Amino acid sequence: MRDPRCNATAKQMAEALDACESFVISGHVNPDGDCLGSALALMHALRARGKQVDVLLVEDTPVEYGLRFLPGFEDLLPAERYTGTPEAFVYVDVSVRSRIGCGAVIADARPKRFAIDHHANTEHVAELNYLDPDAASCSILVWEVIRELGVPLTPDIALCAYTGLMTDTGRFQYQNTDGRAFRAAAEMVAAGAQPSLAGREFYQNRSFASLQLEQRMISGMEILHDGEIAFSVVTLDDFAACHAENADAESLIDTLRSVRGVRVACLLKERNGFVRGSLRAKDDDTDVAEIARMLGGGGHKAAAGFTLEIPLAEAISLVKDKLGRL
């Protein structure tokens, strides 16, 4: 499915990037493995071409612990404190401008803007766009652009890109896993990515607080609509009681999704002043992105999210009503 907003091939994107000398790269709020892996892989590649490159965190909050092993993680900069004046801004894994928070001000000030993304219904955020909603991850598209840059495919580049692909396909188990994903993964491993390292660091690195938070989430879990929807909430009190941070809750949605017979998993996380929701589909037909868009969010058919700036009780009622339409 070709996105009508796509106006560049991987080769054309690489040529346009190579014509610039300085960059700031930004992913979305609450960055996942594909977001950070894509941004850092591109950072390493552009630096190998002699470019000056910064990568932003659009929220100054802790990143999920299982992603902190990524090469270059220590170079990430909070957008709210960023003072650089690079020539170009690159969006990676960003479907709508609102998803980069205060990074939007930085993007607006740059004379050149580029976007690499794999979401459907991507908002027009840049002048040059390499978009493909059929790609299993944004990191596949970044990998294709990097190959066109002609830089050595180093283990650091490969590990960042592989982590993005591994996490967005759920260890190559989600519905988006296809031959293209496996071919890209094989190329990344051949270039030095270590699947055992990526898997261990991301999937076998949970904090005790995360496990305690999961216990609370399970105790409050509801099975709705004749067993088809697993729904739960983690509150501010839960976070406080477990001494947990937002990153500790990132893996919880997969526990809901794993319940036998469930078609859709939904988790609401209460934060200060807003509620963040995650949705996952387990079958091949359900489109949870449709529900997310109704709630002002977005994502993919099998994985989507949203943010509601309303009290938790209102959010629960609203989300349950929308889930009833699946």
C-alpha atoms as a PDB file:
ATOM      1  CA  MET A   1       0.000   0.000   0.000  1.00  0.00           C
ATOM      2  CA  ARG A   2       1.690   3.188  -1.169  1.00  0.00           C
ATOM      3  CA  ASP A   3       1.185   6.209   1.073  1.00  0.00           C
ATOM      4  CA  PRO A   4       0.158   9.197  -1.089  1.00  0.00           C
ATOM      5  CA  ARG A   5       2.335  11.457   1.051  1.00  0.00           C
ATOM      6  CA  CYS A   6       5.440   9.462   0.140  1.00  0.00           C
ATOM      7  CA  ASN A   7       7.456  11.518  -2.329  1.00  0.00           C
ATOM      8  CA  ALA A   8      10.881   9.904  -2.077  1.00  0.00           C
ATOM      9  CA  THR A   9      12.548   6.540  -2.490  1.00  0.00           C
ATOM     10  CA  ALA A  10      15.190   5.312  -0.059  1.00  0.00           C
ATOM     11  CA  LYS A  11      17.851   6.401  -2.546  1.00  0.00           C
ATOM     12  CA  GLN A  12      16.360   9.883  -2.967  1.00  0.00           C
ATOM     13  CA  MET A  13      16.087  10.281   0.809  1.00  0.00           C
ATOM     14  CA  ALA A  14      19.721   9.258   1.229  1.00  0.00           C
ATOM     15  CA  GLU A  15      20.829  11.749  -1.413  1.00  0.00           C
ATOM     16  CA  ALA A  16      18.856  14.564   0.198  1.00  0.00           C
ATOM     17  CA  LEU A  17      20.250  13.781   3.644  1.00  0.00           C
ATOM     18  CA  ASP A  18      23.788  13.591   2.311  1.00  0.00           C
ATOM     19  CA  ALA A  19      23.394  17.079   0.839  1.00  0.00           C
ATOM     20  CA  CYS A  20      23.008  18.514   4.373  1.00  0.00           C
ATOM     21  CA  GLU A  21      25.752  18.957   6.953  1.00  0.00           C
ATOM     22  CA  SER A  22      23.945  19.119  10.298  1.00  0.00           C
ATOM     23  CA  PHE A  23      20.852  17.419  11.688  1.00  0.00           C
ATOM     24  CA  VAL A  24      18.564  16.998  14.629  1.00  0.00           C
ATOM     25  CA  ILE A  25      16.628  13.723  14.671  1.00  0.00           C
ATOM     26  CA  SER A  26      13.434  13.273  16.669  1.00  0.00           C
ATOM     27  CA  GLY A  27      11.121  10.390  17.433  1.00  0.00           C
ATOM     28  CA  HIS A  28       7.827  10.507  19.305  1.00  0.00           C
ATOM     29  CA  VAL A  29       6.759  10.879  22.932  1.00  0.00           C
ATOM     30  CA  ASN A  30       7.118   7.770  25.089  1.00  0.00           C
ATOM     31  CA  PRO A  31       9.731   6.336  22.684  1.00  0.00           C
ATOM     32  CA  ASP A  32       9.683   2.602  22.045  1.00  0.00           C
ATOM     33  CA  GLY A  33      12.376   0.354  20.640  1.00  0.00           C
ATOM     34  CA  ASP A  34      11.585   1.153  17.015  1.00  0.00           C
ATOM     35  CA  CYS A  35      11.600   4.886  17.663  1.00  0.00           C
ATOM     36  CA  LEU A  36      14.954   4.943  19.480  1.00  0.00           C
ATOM     37  CA  GLY A  37      16.526   2.216  17.366  1.00  0.00           C
ATOM     38  CA  SER A  38      15.646   4.067  14.162  1.00  0.00           C
ATOM     39  CA  ALA A  39      16.882   7.426  15.437  1.00  0.00           C
ATOM     40  CA  LEU A  40      20.171   6.073  16.770  1.00  0.00           C
ATOM     41  CA  ALA A  41      20.875   3.918  13.703  1.00  0.00           C
ATOM     42  CA  LEU A  42      20.429   6.978  11.483  1.00  0.00           C
ATOM     43  CA  MET A  43      22.565   9.072  13.846  1.00  0.00           C
ATOM     44  CA  HIS A  44      25.464   6.622  13.601  1.00  0.00           C
ATOM     45  CA  ALA A  45      25.189   6.441   9.812  1.00  0.00           C
ATOM     46  CA  LEU A  46      25.084  10.207   9.279  1.00  0.00           C
ATOM     47  CA  ARG A  47      27.997  10.709  11.654  1.00  0.00           C
ATOM     48  CA  ALA A  48      29.916   8.163   9.592  1.00  0.00           C
ATOM     49  CA  ARG A  49      29.373  10.519   6.648  1.00  0.00           C
ATOM     50  CA  GLY A  50      30.984  13.306   8.661  1.00  0.00           C
ATOM     51  CA  LYS A  51      27.727  15.031   9.600  1.00  0.00           C
ATOM     52  CA  GLN A  52      26.958  16.787  12.868  1.00  0.00           C
ATOM     53  CA  VAL A  53      23.953  15.005  14.394  1.00  0.00           C
ATOM     54  CA  ASP A  54      21.898  15.358  17.578  1.00  0.00           C
ATOM     55  CA  VAL A  55      19.016  13.095  18.654  1.00  0.00           C
ATOM     56  CA  LEU A  56      16.190  14.438  20.808  1.00  0.00           C
ATOM     57  CA  LEU A  57      14.087  13.000  23.571  1.00  0.00           C
ATOM     58  CA  VAL A  58      10.870  14.991  23.298  1.00  0.00           C
ATOM     59  CA  GLU A  59       9.980  14.234  26.926  1.00  0.00           C
ATOM     60  CA  ASP A  60      12.511  14.681  29.724  1.00  0.00           C
ATOM     61  CA  THR A  61      11.421  11.464  31.443  1.00  0.00           C
ATOM     62  CA  PRO A  62      13.213   8.137  31.976  1.00  0.00           C
ATOM     63  CA  VAL A  63      13.355   5.849  28.959  1.00  0.00           C
ATOM     64  CA  GLU A  64      12.440   2.187  29.352  1.00  0.00           C
ATOM     65  CA  TYR A  65      15.411   0.495  31.005  1.00  0.00           C
ATOM     66  CA  GLY A  66      15.573  -2.272  28.405  1.00  0.00           C
ATOM     67  CA  LEU A  67      16.491   0.269  25.703  1.00  0.00           C
ATOM     68  CA  ARG A  68      19.336   1.960  27.521  1.00  0.00           C
ATOM     69  CA  PHE A  69      21.870  -0.535  26.154  1.00  0.00           C
ATOM     70  CA  LEU A  70      21.527   0.861  22.626  1.00  0.00           C
ATOM     71  CA  PRO A  71      24.800   2.286  21.275  1.00  0.00           C
ATOM     72  CA  GLY A  72      24.570   6.072  21.410  1.00  0.00           C
ATOM     73  CA  PHE A  73      21.850   6.157  24.058  1.00  0.00           C
ATOM     74  CA  GLU A  74      24.041   8.418  26.199  1.00  0.00           C
ATOM     75  CA  ASP A  75      23.968  11.043  23.423  1.00  0.00           C
ATOM     76  CA  LEU A  76      20.203  11.637  23.618  1.00  0.00           C
ATOM     77  CA  LEU A  77      19.248  15.230  24.451  1.00  0.00           C
ATOM     78  CA  PRO A  78      16.016  16.556  26.050  1.00  0.00           C
ATOM     79  CA  ALA A  79      14.177  18.703  23.502  1.00  0.00           C
ATOM     80  CA  GLU A  80      13.134  21.284  26.071  1.00  0.00           C
ATOM     81  CA  ARG A  81      16.787  22.137  26.720  1.00  0.00           C
ATOM     82  CA  TYR A  82      18.021  21.890  23.145  1.00  0.00           C
ATOM     83  CA  THR A  83      19.754  25.011  21.787  1.00  0.00           C
ATOM     84  CA  GLY A  84      21.307  23.739  18.551  1.00  0.00           C
ATOM     85  CA  THR A  85      20.661  25.298  15.152  1.00  0.00           C
ATOM     86  CA  PRO A  86      21.175  22.474  12.630  1.00  0.00           C
ATOM     87  CA  GLU A  87      20.314  22.694   8.974  1.00  0.00           C
ATOM     88  CA  ALA A  88      17.801  19.855   8.882  1.00  0.00           C
ATOM     89  CA  PHE A  89      15.185  18.151  11.065  1.00  0.00           C
ATOM     90  CA  VAL A  90      14.441  14.443  10.607  1.00  0.00           C
ATOM     91  CA  TYR A  91      11.245  12.839  11.942  1.00  0.00           C
ATOM     92  CA  VAL A  92      11.526   9.074  12.514  1.00  0.00           C
ATOM     93  CA  ASP A  93       8.575   6.859  13.469  1.00  0.00           C
ATOM     94  CA  VAL A  94       6.363   9.940  13.851  1.00  0.00           C
ATOM     95  CA  SER A  95       2.895   9.873  12.319  1.00  0.00           C
ATOM     96  CA  VAL A  96       1.545  13.217  13.560  1.00  0.00           C
ATOM     97  CA  ARG A  97       3.296  16.450  14.525  1.00  0.00           C
ATOM     98  CA  SER A  98       1.685  16.553  17.969  1.00  0.00           C
ATOM     99  CA  ARG A  99       3.602  13.385  18.863  1.00  0.00           C
ATOM    100  CA  ILE A 100       6.894  15.290  19.143  1.00  0.00           C
ATOM    101  CA  GLY A 101       5.720  17.725  21.831  1.00  0.00           C
ATOM    102  CA  CYS A 102       8.068  20.678  22.287  1.00  0.00           C
ATOM    103  CA  GLY A 103      10.224  19.267  19.505  1.00  0.00           C
ATOM    104  CA  ALA A 104       7.729  20.798  17.073  1.00  0.00           C
ATOM    105  CA  VAL A 105       9.139  24.260  17.796  1.00  0.00           C
ATOM    106  CA  ILE A 106      12.603  23.017  16.871  1.00  0.00           C
ATOM    107  CA  ALA A 107      11.277  21.411  13.680  1.00  0.00           C
ATOM    108  CA  ASP A 108       9.522  24.607  12.616  1.00  0.00           C
ATOM    109  CA  ALA A 109      12.761  26.562  12.867  1.00  0.00           C
ATOM    110  CA  ARG A 110      14.728  24.262  10.548  1.00  0.00           C
ATOM    111  CA  PRO A 111      14.960  25.156   6.840  1.00  0.00           C
ATOM    112  CA  LYS A 112      14.823  21.496   5.758  1.00  0.00           C
ATOM    113  CA  ARG A 113      12.577  18.735   7.124  1.00  0.00           C
ATOM    114  CA  PHE A 114      12.571  15.027   6.333  1.00  0.00           C
ATOM    115  CA  ALA A 115      10.354  12.148   7.520  1.00  0.00           C
ATOM    116  CA  ILE A 116      10.892   8.394   7.585  1.00  0.00           C
ATOM    117  CA  ASP A 117       7.883   6.492   8.903  1.00  0.00           C
ATOM    118  CA  HIS A 118       5.780   3.341   8.570  1.00  0.00           C
ATOM    119  CA  HIS A 119       2.440   4.414  10.036  1.00  0.00           C
ATOM    120  CA  ALA A 120      -0.697   4.553   7.932  1.00  0.00           C
ATOM    121  CA  ASN A 121      -2.477   7.926   7.670  1.00  0.00           C
ATOM    122  CA  THR A 122       0.705   9.832   8.387  1.00  0.00           C
ATOM    123  CA  GLU A 123       0.203  13.566   8.797  1.00  0.00           C
ATOM    124  CA  HIS A 124       2.174  15.799   6.429  1.00  0.00           C
ATOM    125  CA  VAL A 125       5.070  16.879   8.653  1.00  0.00           C
ATOM    126  CA  ALA A 126       7.975  17.306   6.218  1.00  0.00           C
ATOM    127  CA  GLU A 127       8.824  18.353   2.687  1.00  0.00           C
ATOM    128  CA  LEU A 128      10.527  15.066   1.779  1.00  0.00           C
ATOM    129  CA  ASN A 129       8.963  11.828   2.997  1.00  0.00           C
ATOM    130  CA  TYR A 130       9.965   8.178   2.755  1.00  0.00           C
ATOM    131  CA  LEU A 131       6.854   6.410   4.027  1.00  0.00           C
ATOM    132  CA  ASP A 132       5.712   2.820   3.780  1.00  0.00           C
ATOM    133  CA  PRO A 133       2.867   1.523   5.986  1.00  0.00           C
ATOM    134  CA  ASP A 134       3.590  -2.021   4.793  1.00  0.00           C
ATOM    135  CA  ALA A 135       6.996  -2.004   6.502  1.00  0.00           C
ATOM    136  CA  ALA A 136       7.010  -3.930   9.787  1.00  0.00           C
ATOM    137  CA  SER A 137       9.057  -1.208  11.472  1.00  0.00           C
ATOM    138  CA  CYS A 138      10.428   2.249  10.824  1.00  0.00           C
ATOM    139  CA  SER A 139      13.887   0.797  11.367  1.00  0.00           C
ATOM    140  CA  ILE A 140      13.517  -1.272   8.163  1.00  0.00           C
ATOM    141  CA  LEU A 141      13.030   1.967   6.218  1.00  0.00           C
ATOM    142  CA  VAL A 142      15.929   3.644   8.024  1.00  0.00           C
ATOM    143  CA  TRP A 143      18.070   0.585   7.222  1.00  0.00           C
ATOM    144  CA  GLU A 144      17.173   0.914   3.540  1.00  0.00           C
ATOM    145  CA  VAL A 145      18.126   4.603   3.570  1.00  0.00           C
ATOM    146  CA  ILE A 146      21.409   3.842   5.367  1.00  0.00           C
ATOM    147  CA  ARG A 147      22.327   1.238   2.743  1.00  0.00           C
ATOM    148  CA  GLU A 148      21.862   3.936   0.090  1.00  0.00           C
ATOM    149  CA  LEU A 149      24.153   6.307   2.020  1.00  0.00           C
ATOM    150  CA  GLY A 150      26.994   3.927   1.288  1.00  0.00           C
ATOM    151  CA  VAL A 151      28.472   3.946   4.794  1.00  0.00           C
ATOM    152  CA  PRO A 152      29.907   0.808   6.402  1.00  0.00           C
ATOM    153  CA  LEU A 153      27.105  -1.158   8.066  1.00  0.00           C
ATOM    154  CA  THR A 154      28.684  -1.303  11.504  1.00  0.00           C
ATOM    155  CA  PRO A 155      27.563  -3.491  14.429  1.00  0.00           C
ATOM    156  CA  ASP A 156      26.287  -0.364  16.224  1.00  0.00           C
ATOM    157  CA  ILE A 157      24.072   0.628  13.284  1.00  0.00           C
ATOM    158  CA  ALA A 158      22.886  -2.950  12.867  1.00  0.00           C
ATOM    159  CA  LEU A 159      22.101  -3.467  16.564  1.00  0.00           C
ATOM    160  CA  CYS A 160      20.033  -0.267  16.762  1.00  0.00           C
ATOM    161  CA  ALA A 161      18.070  -1.140  13.625  1.00  0.00           C
ATOM    162  CA  TYR A 162      17.611  -4.777  14.668  1.00  0.00           C
ATOM    163  CA  THR A 163      16.270  -3.734  18.077  1.00  0.00           C
ATOM    164  CA  GLY A 164      13.704  -1.514  16.382  1.00  0.00           C
ATOM    165  CA  LEU A 165      12.604  -4.381  14.157  1.00  0.00           C
ATOM    166  CA  MET A 166      12.612  -6.971  16.961  1.00  0.00           C
ATOM    167  CA  THR A 167      10.479  -4.858  19.274  1.00  0.00           C
ATOM    168  CA  ASP A 168       7.956  -3.662  16.683  1.00  0.00           C
ATOM    169  CA  THR A 169       7.339  -7.237  15.541  1.00  0.00           C
ATOM    170  CA  GLY A 170       7.158  -8.565  19.114  1.00  0.00           C
ATOM    171  CA  ARG A 171      10.133 -10.876  18.629  1.00  0.00           C
ATOM    172  CA  PHE A 172       8.885 -11.623  15.098  1.00  0.00           C
ATOM    173  CA  GLN A 173       5.533 -12.880  16.405  1.00  0.00           C
ATOM    174  CA  TYR A 174       3.123 -10.045  15.518  1.00  0.00           C
ATOM    175  CA  GLN A 175       0.937  -9.889  12.438  1.00  0.00           C
ATOM    176  CA  ASN A 176       3.278  -7.410  10.728  1.00  0.00           C
ATOM    177  CA  THR A 177       6.101  -9.966  10.536  1.00  0.00           C
ATOM    178  CA  ASP A 178       6.733 -10.864   6.885  1.00  0.00           C
ATOM    179  CA  GLY A 179       9.475 -11.945   4.514  1.00  0.00           C
ATOM    180  CA  ARG A 180      10.789  -8.410   4.210  1.00  0.00           C
ATOM    181  CA  ALA A 181      11.213  -8.241   7.988  1.00  0.00           C
ATOM    182  CA  PHE A 182      13.132 -11.526   8.086  1.00  0.00           C
ATOM    183  CA  ARG A 183      15.350 -10.500   5.169  1.00  0.00           C
ATOM    184  CA  ALA A 184      16.174  -7.196   6.856  1.00  0.00           C
ATOM    185  CA  ALA A 185      16.852  -8.969  10.144  1.00  0.00           C
ATOM    186  CA  ALA A 186      19.237 -11.353   8.393  1.00  0.00           C
ATOM    187  CA  GLU A 187      21.113  -8.418   6.859  1.00  0.00           C
ATOM    188  CA  MET A 188      21.361  -6.714  10.252  1.00  0.00           C
ATOM    189  CA  VAL A 189      22.691  -9.863  11.906  1.00  0.00           C
ATOM    190  CA  ALA A 190      25.209 -10.300   9.086  1.00  0.00           C
ATOM    191  CA  ALA A 191      26.357  -6.725   9.786  1.00  0.00           C
ATOM    192  CA  GLY A 192      26.976  -7.500  13.464  1.00  0.00           C
ATOM    193  CA  ALA A 193      23.672  -7.189  15.336  1.00  0.00           C
ATOM    194  CA  GLN A 194      23.476  -9.738  18.167  1.00  0.00           C
ATOM    195  CA  PRO A 195      19.931 -11.111  18.582  1.00  0.00           C
ATOM    196  CA  SER A 196      20.765 -12.677  21.949  1.00  0.00           C
ATOM    197  CA  LEU A 197      22.035  -9.346  23.298  1.00  0.00           C
ATOM    198  CA  ALA A 198      19.013  -7.393  22.046  1.00  0.00           C
ATOM    199  CA  GLY A 199      16.584 -10.015  23.342  1.00  0.00           C
ATOM    200  CA  ARG A 200      18.241 -10.296  26.723  1.00  0.00           C
ATOM    201  CA  GLU A 201      18.529  -6.562  27.312  1.00  0.00           C
ATOM    202  CA  PHE A 202      14.976  -5.769  26.253  1.00  0.00           C
ATOM    203  CA  TYR A 203      12.898  -8.788  27.261  1.00  0.00           C
ATOM    204  CA  GLN A 204      14.827 -10.158  30.235  1.00  0.00           C
ATOM    205  CA  ASN A 205      15.685  -6.975  32.087  1.00  0.00           C
ATOM    206  CA  ARG A 206      12.605  -6.015  34.082  1.00  0.00           C
ATOM    207  CA  SER A 207      12.810  -4.251  37.420  1.00  0.00           C
ATOM    208  CA  PHE A 208      11.263  -5.590  40.604  1.00  0.00           C
ATOM    209  CA  ALA A 209       9.000  -2.524  40.547  1.00  0.00           C
ATOM    210  CA  SER A 210       7.720  -3.587  37.125  1.00  0.00           C
ATOM    211  CA  LEU A 211       6.811  -7.032  38.445  1.00  0.00           C
ATOM    212  CA  GLN A 212       5.016  -5.500  41.428  1.00  0.00           C
ATOM    213  CA  LEU A 213       3.147  -3.174  39.082  1.00  0.00           C
ATOM    214  CA  GLU A 214       2.140  -6.158  36.952  1.00  0.00           C
ATOM    215  CA  GLN A 215       0.753  -7.893  40.033  1.00  0.00           C
ATOM    216  CA  ARG A 216      -1.469  -4.898  40.731  1.00  0.00           C
ATOM    217  CA  MET A 217      -2.531  -4.661  37.114  1.00  0.00           C
ATOM    218  CA  ILE A 218      -3.547  -8.329  37.028  1.00  0.00           C
ATOM    219  CA  SER A 219      -5.501  -8.014  40.268  1.00  0.00           C
ATOM    220  CA  GLY A 220      -7.603  -5.273  38.677  1.00  0.00           C
ATOM    221  CA  MET A 221      -7.908  -6.864  35.235  1.00  0.00           C
ATOM    222  CA  GLU A 222     -11.359  -7.147  33.666  1.00  0.00           C
ATOM    223  CA  ILE A 223     -12.340  -9.515  30.881  1.00  0.00           C
ATOM    224  CA  LEU A 224     -14.988  -7.766  28.800  1.00  0.00           C
ATOM    225  CA  HIS A 225     -17.306  -8.586  25.896  1.00  0.00           C
ATOM    226  CA  ASP A 226     -17.576 -12.342  26.335  1.00  0.00           C
ATOM    227  CA  GLY A 227     -13.886 -12.811  26.960  1.00  0.00           C
ATOM    228  CA  GLU A 228     -12.639 -10.932  23.900  1.00  0.00           C
ATOM    229  CA  ILE A 229     -11.138  -7.860  25.619  1.00  0.00           C
ATOM    230  CA  ALA A 230      -8.645  -7.763  28.487  1.00  0.00           C
ATOM    231  CA  PHE A 231      -8.761  -4.372  30.193  1.00  0.00           C
ATOM    232  CA  SER A 232      -6.842  -2.979  33.149  1.00  0.00           C
ATOM    233  CA  VAL A 233      -5.526   0.198  34.726  1.00  0.00           C
ATOM    234  CA  VAL A 234      -2.440   1.229  36.668  1.00  0.00           C
ATOM    235  CA  THR A 235      -3.011   4.310  38.797  1.00  0.00           C
ATOM    236  CA  LEU A 236      -0.767   6.945  40.313  1.00  0.00           C
ATOM    237  CA  ASP A 237      -1.218   5.143  43.627  1.00  0.00           C
ATOM    238  CA  ASP A 238       0.009   1.927  42.009  1.00  0.00           C
ATOM    239  CA  PHE A 239       3.112   3.644  40.690  1.00  0.00           C
ATOM    240  CA  ALA A 240       3.789   5.195  44.085  1.00  0.00           C
ATOM    241  CA  ALA A 241       3.226   1.968  46.042  1.00  0.00           C
ATOM    242  CA  CYS A 242       5.645   0.081  43.784  1.00  0.00           C
ATOM    243  CA  HIS A 243       8.183   2.934  43.592  1.00  0.00           C
ATOM    244  CA  ALA A 244       7.787   2.536  39.842  1.00  0.00           C
ATOM    245  CA  GLU A 245       8.326   4.948  36.974  1.00  0.00           C
ATOM    246  CA  ASN A 246       6.496   5.089  33.664  1.00  0.00           C
ATOM    247  CA  ALA A 247       9.139   2.946  31.977  1.00  0.00           C
ATOM    248  CA  ASP A 248       8.327   0.105  34.379  1.00  0.00           C
ATOM    249  CA  ALA A 249       4.852  -0.173  32.863  1.00  0.00           C
ATOM    250  CA  GLU A 250       5.880  -0.536  29.229  1.00  0.00           C
ATOM    251  CA  SER A 251       5.794  -4.351  29.123  1.00  0.00           C
ATOM    252  CA  LEU A 252       2.484  -4.776  30.948  1.00  0.00           C
ATOM    253  CA  ILE A 253       0.261  -4.641  27.866  1.00  0.00           C
ATOM    254  CA  ASP A 254       1.835  -7.873  26.603  1.00  0.00           C
ATOM    255  CA  THR A 255       0.657  -9.696  29.716  1.00  0.00           C
ATOM    256  CA  LEU A 256      -2.942  -8.676  28.979  1.00  0.00           C
ATOM    257  CA  ARG A 257      -2.522  -9.683  25.356  1.00  0.00           C
ATOM    258  CA  SER A 258      -1.323 -13.148  26.350  1.00  0.00           C
ATOM    259  CA  VAL A 259      -4.615 -14.170  28.005  1.00  0.00           C
ATOM    260  CA  ARG A 260      -6.235 -17.091  26.193  1.00  0.00           C
ATOM    261  CA  GLY A 261      -9.231 -16.147  24.070  1.00  0.00           C
ATOM    262  CA  VAL A 262      -8.547 -12.410  24.210  1.00  0.00           C
ATOM    263  CA  ARG A 263      -8.792 -10.543  20.921  1.00  0.00           C
ATOM    264  CA  VAL A 264      -7.828  -7.069  22.186  1.00  0.00           C
ATOM    265  CA  ALA A 265      -5.796  -5.863  25.159  1.00  0.00           C
ATOM    266  CA  CYS A 266      -6.156  -2.363  26.593  1.00  0.00           C
ATOM    267  CA  LEU A 267      -4.133  -0.787  29.383  1.00  0.00           C
ATOM    268  CA  LEU A 268      -4.631   2.686  30.847  1.00  0.00           C
ATOM    269  CA  LYS A 269      -1.780   4.295  32.780  1.00  0.00           C
ATOM    270  CA  GLU A 270      -2.603   7.272  34.968  1.00  0.00           C
ATOM    271  CA  ARG A 271       0.022  10.006  34.937  1.00  0.00           C
ATOM    272  CA  ASN A 272       0.090  13.494  36.406  1.00  0.00           C
ATOM    273  CA  GLY A 273      -2.562  15.412  34.465  1.00  0.00           C
ATOM    274  CA  PHE A 274      -3.286  12.836  31.764  1.00  0.00           C
ATOM    275  CA  VAL A 275      -3.987   9.176  31.013  1.00  0.00           C
ATOM    276  CA  ARG A 276      -1.960   7.208  28.488  1.00  0.00           C
ATOM    277  CA  GLY A 277      -3.598   4.240  26.794  1.00  0.00           C
ATOM    278  CA  SER A 278      -2.137   1.257  24.945  1.00  0.00           C
ATOM    279  CA  LEU A 279      -4.017  -1.089  22.632  1.00  0.00           C
ATOM    280  CA  ARG A 280      -2.949  -4.420  21.153  1.00  0.00           C
ATOM    281  CA  ALA A 281      -4.799  -6.742  18.768  1.00  0.00           C
ATOM    282  CA  LYS A 282      -4.193 -10.459  18.866  1.00  0.00           C
ATOM    283  CA  ASP A 283      -5.964 -11.565  15.687  1.00  0.00           C
ATOM    284  CA  ASP A 284      -5.362 -10.591  12.068  1.00  0.00           C
ATOM    285  CA  ASP A 285      -8.658  -8.770  11.507  1.00  0.00           C
ATOM    286  CA  THR A 286      -9.076  -6.320  14.397  1.00  0.00           C
ATOM    287  CA  ASP A 287      -7.814  -2.765  13.800  1.00  0.00           C
ATOM    288  CA  VAL A 288      -7.030  -1.134  17.148  1.00  0.00           C
ATOM    289  CA  ALA A 289      -5.627   1.954  15.407  1.00  0.00           C
ATOM    290  CA  GLU A 290      -9.209   2.823  14.484  1.00  0.00           C
ATOM    291  CA  ILE A 291     -10.104   3.012  18.185  1.00  0.00           C
ATOM    292  CA  ALA A 292      -6.941   4.960  18.967  1.00  0.00           C
ATOM    293  CA  ARG A 293      -7.802   7.542  16.303  1.00  0.00           C
ATOM    294  CA  MET A 294     -11.262   7.988  17.845  1.00  0.00           C
ATOM    295  CA  LEU A 295      -9.425   8.909  21.054  1.00  0.00           C
ATOM    296  CA  GLY A 296      -7.008  11.332  19.403  1.00  0.00           C
ATOM    297  CA  GLY A 297      -4.144   8.867  19.033  1.00  0.00           C
ATOM    298  CA  GLY A 298      -2.893   6.551  16.340  1.00  0.00           C
ATOM    299  CA  GLY A 299      -0.624   3.682  15.507  1.00  0.00           C
ATOM    300  CA  HIS A 300      -0.865   0.418  13.617  1.00  0.00           C
ATOM    301  CA  LYS A 301      -3.614  -2.113  13.028  1.00  0.00           C
ATOM    302  CA  ALA A 302      -2.231  -4.406  15.734  1.00  0.00           C
ATOM    303  CA  ALA A 303      -0.659  -1.871  18.096  1.00  0.00           C
ATOM    304  CA  ALA A 304      -1.784   1.661  18.871  1.00  0.00           C
ATOM    305  CA  GLY A 305      -1.911   4.247  21.617  1.00  0.00           C
ATOM    306  CA  PHE A 306      -3.503   7.501  22.741  1.00  0.00           C
ATOM    307  CA  THR A 307      -3.345  10.172  25.431  1.00  0.00           C
ATOM    308  CA  LEU A 308      -6.389  11.619  27.204  1.00  0.00           C
ATOM    309  CA  GLU A 309      -6.162  14.816  29.241  1.00  0.00           C
ATOM    310  CA  ILE A 310      -9.147  13.945  31.434  1.00  0.00           C
ATOM    311  CA  PRO A 311      -9.542  12.357  34.881  1.00  0.00           C
ATOM    312  CA  LEU A 312      -8.960   8.612  35.100  1.00  0.00           C
ATOM    313  CA  ALA A 313     -12.605   7.752  35.876  1.00  0.00           C
ATOM    314  CA  GLU A 314     -13.763   9.607  32.758  1.00  0.00           C
ATOM    315  CA  ALA A 315     -11.052   7.967  30.688  1.00  0.00           C
ATOM    316  CA  ILE A 316     -12.112   4.487  31.826  1.00  0.00           C
ATOM    317  CA  SER A 317     -15.732   5.142  30.898  1.00  0.00           C
ATOM    318  CA  LEU A 318     -14.839   6.662  27.526  1.00  0.00           C
ATOM    319  CA  VAL A 319     -12.409   3.918  26.536  1.00  0.00           C
ATOM    320  CA  LYS A 320     -14.735   1.097  27.521  1.00  0.00           C
ATOM    321  CA  ASP A 321     -17.447   2.677  25.392  1.00  0.00           C
ATOM    322  CA  LYS A 322     -15.130   2.805  22.370  1.00  0.00           C
ATOM    323  CA  LEU A 323     -13.942  -0.764  22.920  1.00  0.00           C
ATOM    324  CA  GLY A 324     -17.538  -1.893  22.759  1.00  0.00           C
ATOM    325  CA  ARG A 325     -17.564  -0.872  19.101  1.00  0.00           C
ATOM    326  CA  LEU A 326     -14.858  -3.334  18.046  1.00  0.00           C
END
